[in-house]
Every structure is written in C-alpha cells, then in structure tokens.
C-alpha cells in the first residue's frame, strides 16, 4: 500500500528545512566561539611590593574586562597559585625587572597571549621581561594539539557506546554493566595511546585512564539514558547536545575564560569541557582543581545510568498493566 502524497510532501518539506537548520546551528556553535576568542576576566596574578605592582596592575587593566587581577606577596606564592590552577600566570616585580610566570600546560594559547600582552607593555617602557614556564606542556605536545584532538574521539566513543546499548536491546543492569565496561576499556585504550605511546600525557597513568573513562561514561550514560526514556529520539537529542555544544564550547584549544559568555560556562557543564579540565589536572598538575570537573562528569554518568534503570523499570511495568486489563473475562449480555 503506497503512502499518501501529502505525507511525502510533508517529509520533503521537513528535510529541506531541517538540514539547513542543523547546518546553521553547527556553524554558529563552532564558528562563533572561534571568531570571538579573547580574554574575559582571565585570572592573572601580580606579585611583589604593592608600590611596585601598582603600575603593572594599571597597565594590565587598560583592556577593560580582560584580566581578573589577583595579588600575591611574592614569587613563591604566585608559583603556588599557578600550580594549584588558581591563575593562568603571574607578573612578578623583582629587583632585576618584571618576570612573567606562565603555565603552557594549562593552556598554550593563554601562555602565548600573556607573553604578547606583557611584552608589548614592557617594550613601551623600554624594559625586558624574563618568561618562566612554571607548568610546561609536554615536549611531544607543546601546543596542546593532541589534547585538543582527543575531545572529539572521546565524545564519539561515548555516543557510539550509548547508541549500541540501545540498538542491541540491552536494558537495566545489563545495560549499565555494558556502559561501565565499555567506558573503562576506552579509558585504558586512550591512556595507552596518549600516555604510553604518544607521551602527550605525563601524569599518573591510572588517574588519566580514569578521567578518560569517566568522560566517556558521562556521554554514553546520557545517550543511553535519554534513549531509555524517550526512545530513539533520545539518542539524537543527547548526541546533538554533546556534538553541537559540548565540543565547540569545551575550550580544549584555549580556556573557558577565552570564550564568549555563556559559551565558556556552558562548556564546563558538559562532558567534553569537564573531561578536558579533569584530564589537564590529573596529567599536568598532579590533580590540582580536579574536584569540580570530576563531580560534573559523575553527575552526568549517575543521572544517565539512573535513567537507563528507570526506563527499564517503566518498560517492564507496562505489560503488567496491560495484562490486568486484557486478562479480564468478557461480560456476556443478553
């Protein structure tokens, strides 16, 4: 039996409208943050005697809203703040002249930005600035390209795991076990490639594997959880959020404070951004500032797996209700 012509027409119109709409959304999500990359309240330290640092602070705040200045007593305190991931760098005023402390491991793009900004102001005063990289990026990935490139594969692995569990019909505890096992194996495989082979990760191997696996589980749980509650549409919704918002807003190539608001904030609420921040902490900063992103990923994973169990329970309950109505004997009249 052929489908009515008006249904074909509706599907044709929906396709013609939906594809350009998705293309426009993707272009906005990826191009907008890239075109508007600039420091916005970027945490930057200033260390030294108050009288000596006043002029430095005044120069740094000329670009309104670019930097959030935090004051430290001396160079040791500024170094500690950088290692704790409280600030991205610091300008230290010494007897030998100004000194710039950076952390290319936190963001090579930000470290380069700080060098340019401080060098321009120093050249205007006729002074030279000595730069010290307190937390250097690994020599095999000085620009952070490998770390940035890992965001998409991990997101795709999570989407694939969640979709696969849905397609093969796994439910309840079995679905949760499959997601946990797949995510753990992804974490181990990714750590083996990035740490053991490419040597672009330099922290504790198991902590990195755990961070990579948790990032995958957060995505796969969300995909499978929404699918358990909403059906196949749930896969599309969760995948769309991760791919069209999570990836471009993750700030893996720069820093959350370099993206226009609210992209930077939203990105850290989503698995790709939180996963990138957690991986930086455990790999380059001995676990500093790991709690926030780890909790974000844990919430995503817990809610996703909980939705998988809830969806399975709701599906199991439907036949019982149907059985109560269908098992009744028919009423004979007449």
Protein backbone atom coordinates (compact mmCIF):
# COMPACT_ATOMS: atom_id res chain seq x y z
CA UNK A 1 0.00 0.00 0.00
CA UNK A 2 1.54 3.29 -1.11
CA UNK A 3 1.88 6.24 1.22
CA UNK A 4 -0.44 9.21 0.62
CA UNK A 5 1.06 12.05 -1.38
CA UNK A 6 0.55 14.62 1.38
CA UNK A 7 2.75 12.60 3.76
CA UNK A 8 5.56 12.50 1.19
CA UNK A 9 5.20 16.26 0.76
CA UNK A 10 5.46 16.89 4.49
CA UNK A 11 8.58 14.75 4.77
CA UNK A 12 10.14 16.54 1.80
CA UNK A 13 9.48 19.95 3.37
CA UNK A 14 10.78 18.76 6.77
CA UNK A 15 14.00 17.51 5.18
CA UNK A 16 14.54 20.67 3.15
CA UNK A 17 14.07 22.84 6.26
CA UNK A 18 15.81 20.63 8.84
CA UNK A 19 19.13 20.14 7.06
CA UNK A 20 19.89 23.88 6.59
CA UNK A 21 18.73 24.49 10.16
CA UNK A 22 21.18 21.93 11.55
CA UNK A 23 23.95 23.31 9.34
CA UNK A 24 23.27 26.83 10.60
CA UNK A 25 23.28 25.66 14.22
CA UNK A 26 26.55 23.78 13.74
CA UNK A 27 28.20 26.75 12.02
CA UNK A 28 27.09 29.07 14.83
CA UNK A 29 28.25 26.69 17.57
CA UNK A 30 31.70 26.14 16.08
CA UNK A 31 32.42 29.47 14.38
CA UNK A 32 31.06 31.90 16.98
CA UNK A 33 33.44 30.95 19.84
CA UNK A 34 36.40 30.76 17.44
CA UNK A 35 35.69 34.20 15.99
CA UNK A 36 35.20 35.82 19.40
CA UNK A 37 38.17 34.30 21.25
CA UNK A 38 39.60 36.88 23.67
CA UNK A 39 40.43 37.08 27.39
CA UNK A 40 37.42 37.74 29.61
CA UNK A 41 38.19 38.04 33.33
CA UNK A 42 41.15 35.72 32.81
CA UNK A 43 42.70 35.04 36.26
CA UNK A 44 46.17 36.57 36.34
CA UNK A 45 48.42 37.08 39.34
CA UNK A 46 50.59 40.05 40.23
CA UNK A 47 53.29 39.59 42.85
CA UNK A 48 55.68 41.94 44.59
CA UNK A 49 55.55 45.06 46.78
CA UNK A 50 52.29 46.98 46.43
CA UNK A 51 54.04 50.19 45.40
CA UNK A 52 55.94 48.40 42.64
CA UNK A 53 52.99 46.40 41.29
CA UNK A 54 50.56 49.32 41.10
CA UNK A 55 51.83 50.42 37.69
CA UNK A 56 51.74 46.84 36.37
CA UNK A 57 48.13 46.43 37.50
CA UNK A 58 47.19 49.72 35.88
CA UNK A 59 48.70 48.62 32.57
CA UNK A 60 47.01 45.22 32.66
CA UNK A 61 43.59 46.68 33.41
CA UNK A 62 43.66 49.12 30.49
CA UNK A 63 41.85 46.49 28.46
CA UNK A 64 38.67 46.52 30.49
CA UNK A 65 37.34 43.11 31.47
CA UNK A 66 40.29 41.18 30.02
CA UNK A 67 42.02 40.14 33.23
CA UNK A 68 40.97 39.38 36.77
CA UNK A 69 43.96 40.54 38.80
CA UNK A 70 44.86 38.58 41.92
CA UNK A 71 47.60 39.87 44.21
CA UNK A 72 50.31 37.75 45.83
CA UNK A 73 53.05 38.65 48.26
CA UNK A 74 55.97 37.17 46.36
CA UNK A 75 57.05 34.89 43.55
CA UNK A 76 56.69 31.71 45.62
CA UNK A 77 53.04 32.47 46.34
CA UNK A 78 52.39 33.24 42.68
CA UNK A 79 54.02 29.96 41.60
CA UNK A 80 51.87 28.05 44.07
CA UNK A 81 48.72 29.69 42.72
CA UNK A 82 49.67 28.67 39.17
CA UNK A 83 50.39 25.08 40.22
CA UNK A 84 47.01 24.98 42.02
CA UNK A 85 45.32 26.20 38.81
CA UNK A 86 44.04 29.32 40.55
CA UNK A 87 45.59 31.61 37.93
CA UNK A 88 46.96 31.05 34.41
CA UNK A 89 50.08 33.09 35.03
CA UNK A 90 51.58 35.93 37.05
CA UNK A 91 53.66 39.05 36.62
CA UNK A 92 56.32 39.27 39.33
CA UNK A 93 58.06 42.58 40.01
CA UNK A 94 61.65 41.97 41.12
CA UNK A 95 64.81 44.00 41.59
CA UNK A 96 66.01 42.65 38.23
CA UNK A 97 62.85 43.84 36.49
CA UNK A 98 59.49 42.25 35.68
CA UNK A 99 59.22 38.49 35.34
CA UNK A 100 56.34 36.61 33.71
CA UNK A 101 55.31 33.20 35.04
CA UNK A 102 53.19 31.14 32.66
CA UNK A 103 51.68 27.64 32.53
CA UNK A 104 51.57 26.33 28.98
CA UNK A 105 50.21 23.02 30.34
CA UNK A 106 47.05 24.85 31.43
CA UNK A 107 46.68 26.44 28.00
CA UNK A 108 49.40 27.07 25.42
CA UNK A 109 47.16 29.70 23.80
CA UNK A 110 46.81 31.63 27.07
CA UNK A 111 50.55 31.39 27.78
CA UNK A 112 51.29 32.89 24.37
CA UNK A 113 48.66 35.60 24.91
CA UNK A 114 50.22 36.60 28.23
CA UNK A 115 53.69 36.76 26.71
CA UNK A 116 52.46 39.07 23.96
CA UNK A 117 50.44 41.28 26.31
CA UNK A 118 53.23 41.70 28.86
CA UNK A 119 55.93 42.09 26.21
CA UNK A 120 54.04 44.91 24.50
CA UNK A 121 53.69 46.83 27.72
CA UNK A 122 57.30 46.21 28.68
CA UNK A 123 58.62 47.36 25.30
CA UNK A 124 56.71 50.60 25.72
CA UNK A 125 58.62 51.16 28.98
CA UNK A 126 61.93 50.12 27.47
CA UNK A 127 62.31 47.06 29.70
CA UNK A 128 62.72 43.35 29.02
CA UNK A 129 60.61 40.63 30.61
CA UNK A 130 62.01 37.24 31.53
CA UNK A 131 59.48 34.44 30.99
CA UNK A 132 59.41 31.27 33.09
CA UNK A 133 57.08 28.37 32.23
CA UNK A 134 56.13 27.05 35.67
CA UNK A 135 54.00 24.18 34.35
CA UNK A 136 55.24 23.43 30.86
CA UNK A 137 53.26 21.46 28.30
CA UNK A 138 54.87 18.13 27.34
CA UNK A 139 57.60 18.36 24.74
CA UNK A 140 55.67 15.99 22.44
CA UNK A 141 52.62 18.27 22.51
CA UNK A 142 53.84 21.83 23.16
CA UNK A 143 50.80 23.45 21.55
CA UNK A 144 48.21 21.14 23.12
CA UNK A 145 47.11 19.87 19.72
CA UNK A 146 46.88 16.23 20.81
CA UNK A 147 44.84 17.07 23.89
CA UNK A 148 42.51 19.20 21.78
CA UNK A 149 42.18 16.42 19.22
CA UNK A 150 41.16 13.90 21.89
CA UNK A 151 37.88 15.67 22.68
CA UNK A 152 36.01 14.55 19.56
CA UNK A 153 37.05 10.86 19.62
CA UNK A 154 36.04 10.52 23.28
CA UNK A 155 32.67 12.13 22.56
CA UNK A 156 32.15 9.83 19.57
CA UNK A 157 33.10 6.79 21.67
CA UNK A 158 30.54 7.76 24.30
CA UNK A 159 27.83 8.31 21.69
CA UNK A 160 28.67 5.01 19.99
CA UNK A 161 28.54 3.08 23.27
CA UNK A 162 25.20 4.59 24.29
CA UNK A 163 23.68 4.04 20.86
CA UNK A 164 25.00 0.46 20.65
CA UNK A 165 23.49 -0.48 24.01
CA UNK A 166 20.18 0.93 22.83
CA UNK A 167 20.25 -0.75 19.41
CA UNK A 168 21.06 -4.26 20.72
CA UNK A 169 18.22 -4.01 23.23
CA UNK A 170 20.17 -4.17 26.50
CA UNK A 171 18.17 -2.94 29.48
CA UNK A 172 18.50 -2.36 33.17
CA UNK A 173 21.53 -3.78 34.98
CA UNK A 174 22.91 -5.39 31.81
CA UNK A 175 22.88 -2.06 30.01
CA UNK A 176 24.61 -0.36 32.94
CA UNK A 177 27.25 -3.11 33.06
CA UNK A 178 27.87 -2.76 29.32
CA UNK A 179 28.29 1.00 29.57
CA UNK A 180 30.65 0.72 32.55
CA UNK A 181 32.75 -1.94 30.86
CA UNK A 182 32.94 -0.15 27.51
CA UNK A 183 33.87 3.18 29.13
CA UNK A 184 36.56 1.56 31.28
CA UNK A 185 38.12 -0.09 28.23
CA UNK A 186 38.01 3.21 26.31
CA UNK A 187 39.82 4.88 29.21
CA UNK A 188 42.53 2.22 29.28
CA UNK A 189 42.97 2.26 25.49
CA UNK A 190 43.08 6.06 25.33
CA UNK A 191 45.65 6.24 28.15
CA UNK A 192 47.76 3.60 26.42
CA UNK A 193 47.78 5.67 23.23
CA UNK A 194 48.12 9.18 24.69
CA UNK A 195 50.44 8.38 27.61
CA UNK A 196 52.37 5.21 26.80
CA UNK A 197 52.72 5.61 23.03
CA UNK A 198 52.47 9.30 22.09
CA UNK A 199 53.69 10.55 25.51
CA UNK A 200 51.48 13.63 25.39
CA UNK A 201 50.12 12.91 28.89
CA UNK A 202 52.62 12.95 31.75
CA UNK A 203 50.70 12.31 34.98
CA UNK A 204 49.61 9.20 36.83
CA UNK A 205 48.64 6.58 34.23
CA UNK A 206 45.65 5.17 36.10
CA UNK A 207 44.35 8.61 37.03
CA UNK A 208 44.43 9.57 33.35
CA UNK A 209 42.71 6.33 32.35
CA UNK A 210 40.04 7.02 34.99
CA UNK A 211 39.49 10.56 33.71
CA UNK A 212 39.21 9.38 30.11
CA UNK A 213 36.86 6.56 31.06
CA UNK A 214 34.67 8.83 33.19
CA UNK A 215 34.40 11.31 30.32
CA UNK A 216 33.23 8.51 28.04
CA UNK A 217 30.78 7.17 30.62
CA UNK A 218 29.23 10.62 31.11
CA UNK A 219 28.40 10.79 27.39
CA UNK A 220 27.37 7.16 26.92
CA UNK A 221 25.18 7.26 30.03
CA UNK A 222 23.42 10.39 28.81
CA UNK A 223 22.79 8.89 25.36
CA UNK A 224 21.53 5.53 26.65
CA UNK A 225 19.56 7.15 29.47
CA UNK A 226 17.63 9.52 27.24
CA UNK A 227 17.05 6.69 24.77
CA UNK A 228 15.60 4.54 27.57
CA UNK A 229 13.17 7.30 28.50
CA UNK A 230 12.36 8.85 25.11
CA UNK A 231 13.13 6.11 22.62
CA UNK A 232 15.39 6.57 19.56
CA UNK A 233 14.83 10.34 19.70
CA UNK A 234 16.82 10.37 22.94
CA UNK A 235 19.95 9.25 21.09
CA UNK A 236 19.62 12.18 18.69
CA UNK A 237 18.99 14.74 21.44
CA UNK A 238 21.90 13.67 23.64
CA UNK A 239 24.26 13.32 20.68
CA UNK A 240 23.26 16.74 19.38
CA UNK A 241 23.95 18.42 22.72
CA UNK A 242 27.37 16.78 23.01
CA UNK A 243 28.43 17.39 19.40
CA UNK A 244 26.93 20.85 18.76
CA UNK A 245 27.51 22.40 22.18
CA UNK A 246 29.88 20.22 24.18
CA UNK A 247 32.68 20.04 21.62
CA UNK A 248 32.92 23.68 20.42
CA UNK A 249 32.30 25.02 23.95
CA UNK A 250 34.84 22.71 25.61
CA UNK A 251 37.65 25.32 25.32
CA UNK A 252 40.13 22.47 24.83
CA UNK A 253 42.20 24.63 22.49
CA UNK A 254 42.21 27.75 24.69
CA UNK A 255 40.49 28.27 28.06
CA UNK A 256 36.90 28.78 29.26
CA UNK A 257 37.71 32.43 30.02
CA UNK A 258 38.73 32.92 26.39
CA UNK A 259 35.28 32.06 25.01
CA UNK A 260 32.34 34.47 24.80
CA UNK A 261 29.77 34.06 27.54
CA UNK A 262 27.86 31.96 28.19
CA UNK A 263 29.76 29.51 25.97
CA UNK A 264 32.67 29.18 28.38
CA UNK A 265 30.42 28.43 31.34
CA UNK A 266 28.11 26.07 29.46
CA UNK A 267 31.10 24.18 28.10
CA UNK A 268 32.33 23.33 31.60
CA UNK A 269 28.88 21.96 32.49
CA UNK A 270 29.00 19.49 29.60
CA UNK A 271 31.12 16.30 29.48
CA UNK A 272 33.69 17.36 26.82
CA UNK A 273 34.64 20.55 28.67
CA UNK A 274 34.64 18.98 32.12
CA UNK A 275 36.57 15.99 30.79
CA UNK A 276 39.25 18.22 29.27
CA UNK A 277 39.67 20.18 32.52
CA UNK A 278 39.90 16.97 34.56
CA UNK A 279 42.47 15.47 32.19
CA UNK A 280 44.65 18.59 32.39
CA UNK A 281 44.53 18.48 36.18
CA UNK A 282 45.49 14.83 36.61
CA UNK A 283 48.04 14.83 33.80
CA UNK A 284 49.90 18.11 34.23
CA UNK A 285 49.07 19.50 37.68
CA UNK A 286 49.23 16.47 39.98
CA UNK A 287 45.45 16.50 40.43
CA UNK A 288 45.05 20.19 41.35
CA UNK A 289 41.49 21.53 40.87
CA UNK A 290 40.17 18.08 39.90
CA UNK A 291 37.09 18.06 42.15
CA UNK A 292 34.81 20.37 40.14
CA UNK A 293 35.12 18.68 36.73
CA UNK A 294 35.09 15.20 38.30
CA UNK A 295 31.81 15.97 40.07
CA UNK A 296 30.31 17.32 36.84
CA UNK A 297 31.18 14.13 34.97
CA UNK A 298 29.98 11.97 37.85
CA UNK A 299 26.60 13.69 37.87
CA UNK A 300 26.22 13.16 34.14
CA UNK A 301 27.15 9.50 34.47
CA UNK A 302 24.95 8.90 37.53
CA UNK A 303 21.91 10.60 36.02
CA UNK A 304 22.40 8.77 32.72
CA UNK A 305 22.74 5.34 34.31
CA UNK A 306 19.83 6.11 36.62
CA UNK A 307 17.71 6.97 33.57
CA UNK A 308 18.70 3.64 32.00
CA UNK A 309 17.44 1.76 35.08
CA UNK A 310 14.30 3.90 35.30
CA UNK A 311 13.47 3.40 31.64
CA UNK A 312 13.88 -0.35 32.00
CA UNK A 313 11.60 -0.40 35.05
CA UNK A 314 8.93 1.60 33.23
CA UNK A 315 9.07 -0.72 30.24
CA UNK A 316 8.78 -3.78 32.48
CA UNK A 317 5.74 -2.28 34.22
CA UNK A 318 3.75 -1.61 31.05
CA UNK A 319 2.94 -5.25 30.15
CA UNK A 320 1.75 -5.88 33.69
CA UNK A 321 -0.76 -3.07 33.48
CA UNK A 322 -1.81 -4.31 30.06
CA UNK A 323 -2.21 -7.81 31.41
CA UNK A 324 -4.56 -6.65 34.13
CA UNK A 325 -6.90 -5.21 31.54
CA UNK A 326 -6.66 -7.97 28.96
CA UNK A 327 -6.99 -10.88 31.39
CA UNK A 328 -10.46 -9.90 32.44
CA UNK A 329 -13.23 -12.14 31.19
CA UNK A 330 -15.59 -10.51 28.72
CA UNK A 331 -19.00 -9.58 30.02
CA UNK A 332 -21.77 -11.53 28.24
CA UNK A 333 -25.05 -9.69 27.83
CA UNK A 334 -28.41 -10.82 26.64
